[in-house]
Amino acid sequence: MEATIFSIVFALLSGTYIYRSFQIMEEGQIALVERFGRYQKTMEPGINIVLPFIDRVSLIKSSREQVLELPPQPCMTSDNVSVNVSGAMYWQIADLQKARYNIENVDQSLQISLSTQIQTQIGRCELDTIIGGQERINAEILTGISGDTQDWGINVLRVRLGEITIPTSVLQSMEKQKAAEIEKRAMISLSEGVKTSEITKAEAEARSNRVLAESERQVQLEQTEAMALSIERIANAIAKHPNGKEAVQYLLAQKYLEMGQAIGESPSSKVLFMDPDSIPAALQSLLAMSDRKLPEKMTEVIAKKPFGESTNISPTLRNLPELKPLNPSLDSEKGEPSNN
């Protein structure tokens, strides 16, 4: 009977011991086992074997990613602007043994490290660089915290700066500065536009002047060619016509009279003095102007000598085309003109 009771008690104790020897850890958890107060092993998710009454599970922690939020902290920038900055840190336990024995309070230590790194990095930057350079600041804070926690068995994954509170006076100054910069860029753009417009206008005007000058030169060239052709045709016609000499004499006398009338009607000429006796002499001089080779020489003479340079024409006839005088032999044959 006693043997039977002893067997039952032994079986119960053995079953209880064996049952307590198996420890089941859930996914996402890790545990620390100590034996007689010293570190024995770290239990991973699944079935783990321990020695009851000898081994003790001293700590159970989550191996999942955790978030540590930091409330707004007062910080001073390098240009002496006071701001309040909040932040968040994402971390997880990589080595439970170090997290248990190398640091007293993991959560508190991480919070202090995050606050210190934020204040340090913000103090190295100016306000303008903080607003636009948060990604760079996050990377620098992460590097600093990783250096602090490398012996804590903690893996810091990410760091994010939260809300940055700037004083109202500083915000107003920044808005004024931004407005001034926008106005400055607008003025620069306007001046560049005006400059471009003026350059374009000047280039267009220069091209127009070149085209106009070329057109005028072409017109003058065509007029000169037409005049030369006309003079040549008139000279040929006069030479071939039997009464050509008399026609030339009539035209010269008519041009002489028209020139005198034009001088008299000019607003800059009030009184015109003319000796009546000089008119017949001038006409006789014009009548004496003849040349056998008039058709061939007329164009050449007009082209080479400007108006008013011939010594055979009186000063009042300087605007008429120059004609060469008769040969001496012809003058002797025809005799001197009369002065009637």
Protein backbone atom coordinates (compact mmCIF):
# COMPACT_ATOMS: atom_id res chain seq x y z
CA MET A 1 0.00 0.00 0.00
CA GLU A 2 2.74 2.36 0.98
CA ALA A 3 4.65 1.41 -2.15
CA THR A 4 1.62 2.20 -4.22
CA ILE A 5 1.17 5.66 -2.63
CA PHE A 6 4.87 6.37 -3.06
CA SER A 7 4.69 5.42 -6.72
CA ILE A 8 1.69 7.69 -7.26
CA VAL A 9 3.40 10.61 -5.51
CA PHE A 10 6.61 10.01 -7.45
CA ALA A 11 4.70 9.89 -10.72
CA LEU A 12 2.92 13.15 -9.92
CA LEU A 13 6.15 14.87 -8.97
CA SER A 14 7.90 13.52 -12.05
CA GLY A 15 5.06 14.68 -14.32
CA THR A 16 5.05 18.09 -12.74
CA TYR A 17 8.82 18.41 -13.08
CA ILE A 18 8.75 17.28 -16.70
CA TYR A 19 5.86 19.62 -17.47
CA ARG A 20 7.67 22.57 -15.96
CA SER A 21 10.80 21.69 -17.87
CA PHE A 22 9.15 22.67 -21.14
CA GLN A 23 8.69 26.42 -21.75
CA ILE A 24 6.79 27.59 -24.79
CA MET A 25 7.57 31.10 -26.11
CA GLU A 26 5.17 32.90 -28.43
CA GLU A 27 6.21 34.46 -31.69
CA GLY A 28 7.58 37.99 -31.19
CA GLN A 29 8.80 37.32 -27.63
CA ILE A 30 12.16 36.45 -26.12
CA ALA A 31 13.03 35.50 -22.53
CA LEU A 32 16.11 35.51 -20.37
CA VAL A 33 16.96 32.40 -18.28
CA GLU A 34 19.18 32.60 -15.20
CA ARG A 35 20.65 29.69 -13.23
CA PHE A 36 21.47 30.42 -9.64
CA GLY A 37 21.35 34.15 -10.43
CA ARG A 38 23.69 33.99 -13.41
CA TYR A 39 22.83 34.27 -17.09
CA GLN A 40 22.15 30.88 -18.62
CA LYS A 41 20.52 31.41 -22.02
CA THR A 42 17.96 33.36 -24.07
CA MET A 43 14.79 31.55 -25.04
CA GLU A 44 13.51 32.06 -28.60
CA PRO A 45 9.92 31.53 -29.84
CA GLY A 46 8.91 27.87 -29.68
CA ILE A 47 9.62 25.04 -27.15
CA ASN A 48 12.53 25.59 -24.77
CA ILE A 49 13.80 23.22 -22.03
CA VAL A 50 14.74 24.51 -18.59
CA LEU A 51 15.52 22.88 -15.28
CA PRO A 52 12.77 23.57 -12.75
CA PHE A 53 13.89 24.84 -9.35
CA ILE A 54 17.34 25.51 -10.90
CA ASP A 55 16.67 27.75 -13.88
CA ARG A 56 14.54 30.83 -13.63
CA VAL A 57 12.96 32.98 -16.35
CA SER A 58 14.05 36.43 -15.16
CA LEU A 59 12.87 38.63 -18.05
CA ILE A 60 10.43 38.39 -20.94
CA LYS A 61 10.53 41.10 -23.64
CA SER A 62 9.02 41.74 -27.06
CA SER A 63 11.31 41.34 -30.03
CA ARG A 64 9.02 43.36 -32.26
CA GLU A 65 9.66 46.93 -33.41
CA GLN A 66 8.73 49.53 -30.82
CA VAL A 67 8.15 53.29 -30.94
CA LEU A 68 9.43 55.85 -28.48
CA GLU A 69 7.73 59.25 -28.74
CA LEU A 70 9.44 62.35 -27.40
CA PRO A 71 7.33 65.38 -26.38
CA PRO A 72 8.39 68.86 -27.65
CA GLN A 73 11.80 69.82 -26.33
CA PRO A 74 13.21 73.38 -26.20
CA CYS A 75 16.16 73.77 -28.52
CA MET A 76 18.39 76.69 -29.52
CA THR A 77 19.61 76.99 -33.12
CA SER A 78 23.05 78.24 -34.12
CA ASP A 79 21.58 81.66 -35.00
CA ASN A 80 20.07 81.98 -31.50
CA VAL A 81 16.44 81.18 -32.31
CA SER A 82 14.51 79.22 -29.68
CA VAL A 83 12.31 76.44 -31.09
CA ASN A 84 10.42 73.46 -29.69
CA VAL A 85 11.01 70.16 -31.46
CA SER A 86 9.34 66.80 -30.90
CA GLY A 87 10.51 63.47 -32.24
CA ALA A 88 9.97 59.73 -32.52
CA MET A 89 12.35 56.78 -32.55
CA TYR A 90 11.72 53.26 -33.87
CA TRP A 91 13.77 50.53 -32.20
CA GLN A 92 13.85 46.85 -31.27
CA ILE A 93 15.87 44.54 -29.02
CA ALA A 94 18.68 42.81 -30.83
CA ASP A 95 20.48 41.26 -27.80
CA LEU A 96 18.39 40.74 -24.66
CA GLN A 97 21.41 39.82 -22.58
CA LYS A 98 23.05 43.23 -23.17
CA ALA A 99 19.76 45.06 -22.72
CA ARG A 100 19.36 43.31 -19.33
CA TYR A 101 22.86 43.57 -17.91
CA ASN A 102 24.51 46.58 -19.68
CA ILE A 103 21.85 49.23 -19.07
CA GLU A 104 19.58 49.82 -16.10
CA ASN A 105 16.45 51.17 -17.84
CA VAL A 106 16.26 50.78 -21.59
CA ASP A 107 13.21 52.99 -22.19
CA GLN A 108 14.47 55.88 -20.08
CA SER A 109 17.97 55.68 -21.53
CA LEU A 110 16.64 55.74 -25.10
CA GLN A 111 14.47 58.76 -24.32
CA ILE A 112 17.38 60.70 -22.83
CA SER A 113 19.63 59.79 -25.76
CA LEU A 114 17.02 60.90 -28.29
CA SER A 115 16.44 64.22 -26.50
CA THR A 116 20.17 64.90 -26.26
CA GLN A 117 20.83 64.13 -29.91
CA ILE A 118 17.94 66.35 -31.09
CA GLN A 119 19.18 69.31 -29.06
CA THR A 120 22.75 68.75 -30.27
CA GLN A 121 21.88 68.53 -33.95
CA ILE A 122 19.43 71.45 -33.85
CA GLY A 123 22.08 73.56 -32.12
CA ARG A 124 24.46 72.99 -35.05
CA CYS A 125 22.02 74.27 -37.67
CA GLU A 126 20.47 77.59 -38.56
CA LEU A 127 16.72 77.99 -38.63
CA ASP A 128 16.51 78.06 -42.43
CA THR A 129 18.48 74.84 -42.78
CA ILE A 130 16.33 73.09 -40.15
CA ILE A 131 13.09 73.76 -42.05
CA GLY A 132 14.41 72.40 -45.32
CA GLY A 133 16.91 69.82 -44.07
CA GLN A 134 14.96 67.49 -41.77
CA GLU A 135 16.05 64.37 -43.65
CA ARG A 136 19.69 65.22 -43.13
CA ILE A 137 19.10 66.00 -39.44
CA ASN A 138 17.24 62.69 -38.99
CA ALA A 139 20.22 60.78 -40.41
CA GLU A 140 22.65 62.61 -38.13
CA ILE A 141 20.47 61.94 -35.04
CA LEU A 142 20.22 58.27 -35.98
CA THR A 143 23.99 58.03 -36.31
CA GLY A 144 24.47 59.65 -32.88
CA ILE A 145 21.94 57.39 -31.12
CA SER A 146 23.37 54.27 -32.75
CA GLY A 147 26.74 55.20 -31.29
CA ASP A 148 25.18 55.51 -27.82
CA THR A 149 23.23 52.23 -27.97
CA GLN A 150 25.79 49.95 -29.62
CA ASP A 151 26.53 48.27 -26.21
CA TRP A 152 22.90 48.15 -25.07
CA GLY A 153 21.76 45.38 -27.39
CA ILE A 154 19.31 47.84 -29.03
CA ASN A 155 18.88 48.26 -32.77
CA VAL A 156 17.65 51.80 -33.62
CA LEU A 157 15.85 51.62 -36.96
CA ARG A 158 14.62 55.13 -37.72
CA VAL A 159 14.42 58.60 -36.19
CA ARG A 160 11.88 61.21 -37.26
CA LEU A 161 11.64 64.82 -36.18
CA GLY A 162 8.11 65.84 -35.30
CA GLU A 163 6.53 69.27 -35.12
CA ILE A 164 8.87 72.27 -35.04
CA THR A 165 7.31 75.21 -33.19
CA ILE A 166 8.77 78.60 -34.15
CA PRO A 167 8.03 81.86 -32.26
CA THR A 168 5.46 84.16 -33.87
CA SER A 169 7.88 87.07 -34.22
CA VAL A 170 10.36 84.88 -36.04
CA LEU A 171 7.62 83.60 -38.35
CA GLN A 172 6.61 87.16 -39.24
CA SER A 173 10.22 88.07 -40.01
CA MET A 174 10.58 84.97 -42.17
CA GLU A 175 7.41 85.83 -44.07
CA LYS A 176 8.69 89.37 -44.73
CA GLN A 177 12.02 88.01 -45.88
CA LYS A 178 10.30 85.50 -48.16
CA ALA A 179 8.09 88.23 -49.63
CA ALA A 180 11.16 90.40 -50.26
CA GLU A 181 12.94 87.53 -52.01
CA ILE A 182 9.89 86.83 -54.18
CA GLU A 183 9.63 90.52 -55.11
CA LYS A 184 13.35 90.59 -55.89
CA ARG A 185 13.06 87.58 -58.19
CA ALA A 186 10.03 89.17 -59.85
CA MET A 187 11.97 92.40 -60.49
CA ILE A 188 14.91 90.45 -61.88
CA SER A 189 12.61 88.47 -64.16
CA LEU A 190 10.90 91.69 -65.31
CA SER A 191 14.21 93.41 -66.03
CA GLU A 192 15.46 90.38 -67.93
CA GLY A 193 12.23 90.35 -69.94
CA VAL A 194 12.57 94.06 -70.77
CA LYS A 195 16.21 93.55 -71.70
CA THR A 196 15.34 90.64 -73.98
CA SER A 197 12.54 92.65 -75.56
CA GLU A 198 14.84 95.62 -76.21
CA ILE A 199 17.49 93.37 -77.72
CA THR A 200 14.92 91.70 -79.94
CA LYS A 201 13.52 95.08 -80.97
CA ALA A 202 16.99 96.43 -81.76
CA GLU A 203 17.86 93.35 -83.79
CA ALA A 204 14.59 93.60 -85.71
CA GLU A 205 15.17 97.31 -86.35
CA ALA A 206 18.72 96.61 -87.54
CA ARG A 207 17.47 93.92 -89.92
CA SER A 208 14.78 96.30 -91.15
CA ASN A 209 17.35 99.05 -91.75
CA ARG A 210 19.58 96.64 -93.65
CA VAL A 211 16.69 95.49 -95.81
CA LEU A 212 15.59 99.11 -96.39
CA ALA A 213 19.14 100.21 -97.29
CA GLU A 214 19.51 97.29 -99.66
CA SER A 215 16.16 98.12 -101.23
CA GLU A 216 17.10 101.79 -101.65
CA ARG A 217 20.46 100.81 -103.13
CA GLN A 218 18.74 98.49 -105.57
CA VAL A 219 16.24 101.21 -106.52
CA GLN A 220 19.03 103.75 -107.07
CA LEU A 221 20.95 101.22 -109.14
CA GLU A 222 17.91 100.50 -111.27
CA GLN A 223 17.20 104.23 -111.65
CA THR A 224 20.81 104.86 -112.70
CA GLU A 225 20.69 102.03 -115.22
CA ALA A 226 17.35 103.28 -116.53
CA MET A 227 18.70 106.85 -116.84
CA ALA A 228 21.81 105.65 -118.66
CA LEU A 229 19.71 103.56 -121.03
CA SER A 230 17.33 106.48 -121.59
CA ILE A 231 20.21 108.89 -122.33
CA GLU A 232 21.74 106.38 -124.70
CA ARG A 233 18.46 105.92 -126.55
CA ILE A 234 17.86 109.70 -126.74
CA ALA A 235 21.39 110.26 -128.05
CA ASN A 236 20.94 107.59 -130.70
CA ALA A 237 17.57 109.02 -131.68
CA ILE A 238 18.99 112.56 -131.96
CA ALA A 239 21.96 111.37 -134.00
CA LYS A 240 19.78 109.47 -136.43
CA HIS A 241 17.13 112.19 -136.83
CA PRO A 242 17.86 114.89 -139.47
CA ASN A 243 16.62 117.68 -137.19
CA GLY A 244 18.26 116.31 -134.05
CA LYS A 245 20.58 119.28 -133.60
CA GLU A 246 17.72 121.76 -133.69
CA ALA A 247 15.75 119.63 -131.17
CA VAL A 248 18.69 119.61 -128.77
CA GLN A 249 19.03 123.37 -129.05
CA TYR A 250 15.34 123.82 -128.34
CA LEU A 251 15.41 121.54 -125.29
CA LEU A 252 18.47 123.28 -123.81
CA ALA A 253 16.88 126.69 -124.21
CA GLN A 254 13.64 125.43 -122.63
CA LYS A 255 15.53 123.94 -119.63
CA TYR A 256 17.39 127.23 -119.23
CA LEU A 257 14.12 129.17 -119.01
CA GLU A 258 12.54 126.62 -116.63
CA MET A 259 15.57 126.83 -114.36
CA GLY A 260 15.27 130.60 -114.16
CA GLN A 261 11.58 130.31 -113.32
CA ALA A 262 12.33 127.75 -110.59
CA ILE A 263 14.94 130.03 -109.07
CA GLY A 264 12.50 132.88 -109.03
CA GLU A 265 9.81 130.79 -107.30
CA SER A 266 12.16 129.44 -104.63
CA PRO A 267 11.28 130.70 -101.09
CA SER A 268 14.96 131.34 -100.35
CA SER A 269 15.37 133.61 -103.40
CA LYS A 270 13.56 136.94 -103.10
CA VAL A 271 15.11 138.89 -106.04
CA LEU A 272 16.65 137.52 -109.21
CA PHE A 273 18.96 139.82 -111.19
CA MET A 274 19.53 138.81 -114.81
CA ASP A 275 21.08 140.74 -117.66
CA PRO A 276 18.79 140.46 -120.69
CA ASP A 277 21.78 140.85 -122.98
CA SER A 278 23.37 137.71 -121.54
CA ILE A 279 20.50 135.47 -122.49
CA PRO A 280 21.18 135.50 -126.25
CA ALA A 281 24.90 134.95 -125.59
CA ALA A 282 24.13 132.00 -123.39
CA LEU A 283 21.78 130.59 -125.97
CA GLN A 284 24.40 131.08 -128.68
CA SER A 285 26.92 129.21 -126.48
CA LEU A 286 24.47 126.38 -126.10
CA LEU A 287 23.86 126.34 -129.85
CA ALA A 288 27.61 126.10 -130.41
CA MET A 289 27.80 122.94 -128.31
CA SER A 290 27.79 120.06 -130.70
CA ASP A 291 29.84 117.02 -131.44
CA ARG A 292 29.84 114.54 -134.25
CA LYS A 293 30.21 111.79 -131.71
CA LEU A 294 27.42 113.07 -129.41
CA PRO A 295 25.50 109.76 -129.22
CA GLU A 296 28.67 107.92 -128.16
CA LYS A 297 30.05 110.56 -125.73
CA MET A 298 26.95 112.00 -124.01
CA THR A 299 26.51 109.21 -121.51
CA GLU A 300 30.23 109.15 -120.65
CA VAL A 301 30.40 112.92 -120.07
CA ILE A 302 27.33 113.02 -117.82
CA ALA A 303 28.58 110.08 -115.79
CA LYS A 304 32.09 111.46 -115.25
CA LYS A 305 31.38 115.15 -114.47
CA PRO A 306 28.85 116.42 -111.94
CA PHE A 307 26.49 119.21 -112.76
CA GLY A 308 27.95 122.72 -112.81
CA GLU A 309 31.64 121.89 -113.49
CA SER A 310 31.81 122.68 -117.21
CA THR A 311 33.56 125.94 -118.18
CA ASN A 312 31.46 126.26 -121.36
CA ILE A 313 28.21 126.80 -119.39
CA SER A 314 27.31 130.01 -117.63
CA PRO A 315 26.81 129.97 -113.82
CA THR A 316 23.07 130.03 -114.25
CA LEU A 317 23.25 126.83 -116.34
CA ARG A 318 25.37 124.79 -113.92
CA ASN A 319 22.49 122.34 -113.31
CA LEU A 320 22.33 121.29 -116.97
CA PRO A 321 24.22 118.24 -118.32
CA GLU A 322 27.62 119.09 -119.76
CA LEU A 323 28.21 118.81 -123.52
CA LYS A 324 31.64 119.05 -125.12
CA PRO A 325 32.32 122.03 -127.44
CA LEU A 326 32.63 121.74 -131.19
CA ASN A 327 35.94 120.90 -132.78
CA PRO A 328 37.93 123.99 -133.97
CA SER A 329 37.72 122.89 -137.55
CA LEU A 330 33.95 122.79 -137.43
CA ASP A 331 33.79 126.20 -135.75
CA SER A 332 35.92 127.76 -138.48
CA GLU A 333 33.77 126.22 -141.17
CA LYS A 334 30.48 127.34 -139.72
CA GLY A 335 31.66 130.81 -138.68
CA GLU A 336 31.06 132.79 -135.50
CA PRO A 337 27.45 133.14 -134.33
CA SER A 338 25.97 136.59 -134.58
CA ASN A 339 25.06 138.71 -131.54
CA ASN A 340 21.78 140.01 -132.83
